[in-house]
């Protein structure tokens, strides 16, 4: 997982990979056990959702009020697969 974090440009990839893994493991375990579900949902949500980063990786940016698409972005092929009309 650390290699992926390096590829994605996440700072301190080893630390963040370990923190992410432990958050998922312990948070998932607590939810399965039905303990502290409301409390544990907060770090799990934060761990999963980084919309600004996701949009950048998909090649979607808002510049001067206009949505621009960058086909050179790392996940641009996924964005095109989702949005292309067939």
Protein backbone atom coordinates (compact mmCIF):
# COMPACT_ATOMS: atom_id res chain seq x y z
CA UNK A 1 0.00 0.00 0.00
CA UNK A 2 2.89 2.37 0.67
CA UNK A 3 3.95 2.19 -2.98
CA UNK A 4 0.49 3.29 -4.06
CA UNK A 5 0.58 6.20 -1.64
CA UNK A 6 3.93 7.24 -3.13
CA UNK A 7 2.49 7.03 -6.66
CA UNK A 8 -0.52 9.12 -5.62
CA UNK A 9 1.71 11.81 -4.10
CA UNK A 10 0.42 11.41 -0.54
CA UNK A 11 2.83 12.99 1.97
CA UNK A 12 4.58 10.69 4.49
CA UNK A 13 3.38 7.60 2.60
CA UNK A 14 4.58 4.98 5.09
CA UNK A 15 2.97 6.72 8.05
CA UNK A 16 -0.26 7.45 6.19
CA UNK A 17 -0.49 3.90 4.82
CA UNK A 18 -0.13 2.45 8.31
CA UNK A 19 -2.59 4.97 9.77
CA UNK A 20 -5.09 4.23 7.01
CA UNK A 21 -4.77 0.47 7.45
CA UNK A 22 -5.22 0.63 11.22
CA UNK A 23 -8.16 3.01 10.87
CA UNK A 24 -9.86 0.60 8.48
CA UNK A 25 -9.08 -2.48 10.58
CA UNK A 26 -10.03 -1.15 14.01
CA UNK A 27 -12.93 0.93 12.72
CA UNK A 28 -14.33 -2.00 10.77
CA UNK A 29 -13.96 -4.30 13.77
CA UNK A 30 -15.78 -1.86 16.04
CA UNK A 31 -18.60 -1.46 13.53
CA UNK A 32 -18.96 -5.24 13.16
CA UNK A 33 -19.12 -5.53 16.93
CA UNK A 34 -21.61 -2.67 17.09
CA UNK A 35 -19.41 -0.61 19.40
CA UNK A 36 -18.96 3.16 19.12
CA UNK A 37 -20.42 3.11 15.60
CA UNK A 38 -21.20 6.82 15.47
CA UNK A 39 -17.81 7.80 16.84
CA UNK A 40 -15.81 5.45 14.62
CA UNK A 41 -17.68 6.53 11.49
CA UNK A 42 -15.94 9.92 11.59
CA UNK A 43 -12.33 8.72 11.06
CA UNK A 44 -13.54 6.11 8.57
CA UNK A 45 -15.29 8.84 6.58
CA UNK A 46 -12.24 11.09 6.66
CA UNK A 47 -10.05 8.16 5.63
CA UNK A 48 -12.22 7.45 2.58
CA UNK A 49 -13.15 10.89 1.36
CA UNK A 50 -10.64 13.32 -0.01
CA UNK A 51 -12.71 14.75 -2.83
CA UNK A 52 -10.25 17.44 -3.87
CA UNK A 53 -7.53 14.85 -4.27
CA UNK A 54 -9.87 12.48 -6.07
CA UNK A 55 -10.99 15.15 -8.54
CA UNK A 56 -7.37 16.08 -9.26
CA UNK A 57 -6.47 12.43 -9.88
CA UNK A 58 -9.50 12.10 -12.19
CA UNK A 59 -8.36 15.22 -14.05
CA UNK A 60 -11.30 17.43 -13.08
CA UNK A 61 -10.52 21.00 -12.03
CA UNK A 62 -12.50 24.21 -11.60
CA UNK A 63 -10.56 27.17 -12.97
CA UNK A 64 -12.07 30.65 -13.26
CA UNK A 65 -15.54 29.17 -12.89
CA UNK A 66 -15.06 26.67 -15.73
CA UNK A 67 -14.69 22.91 -15.31
CA UNK A 68 -11.57 21.71 -17.11
CA UNK A 69 -10.71 18.09 -17.87
CA UNK A 70 -7.10 16.92 -18.01
CA UNK A 71 -6.64 13.70 -19.96
CA UNK A 72 -3.06 13.35 -18.65
CA UNK A 73 -4.24 12.85 -15.05
CA UNK A 74 -3.46 9.45 -13.45
CA UNK A 75 -7.11 8.34 -13.29
CA UNK A 76 -8.38 10.13 -16.41
CA UNK A 77 -9.11 6.82 -18.13
CA UNK A 78 -11.53 5.92 -15.33
CA UNK A 79 -13.25 9.29 -15.64
CA UNK A 80 -13.59 8.82 -19.40
CA UNK A 81 -14.99 5.29 -18.94
CA UNK A 82 -17.60 6.58 -16.51
CA UNK A 83 -18.64 9.64 -18.48
CA UNK A 84 -18.41 8.50 -22.11
CA UNK A 85 -21.75 8.05 -23.82
CA UNK A 86 -22.18 4.77 -25.68
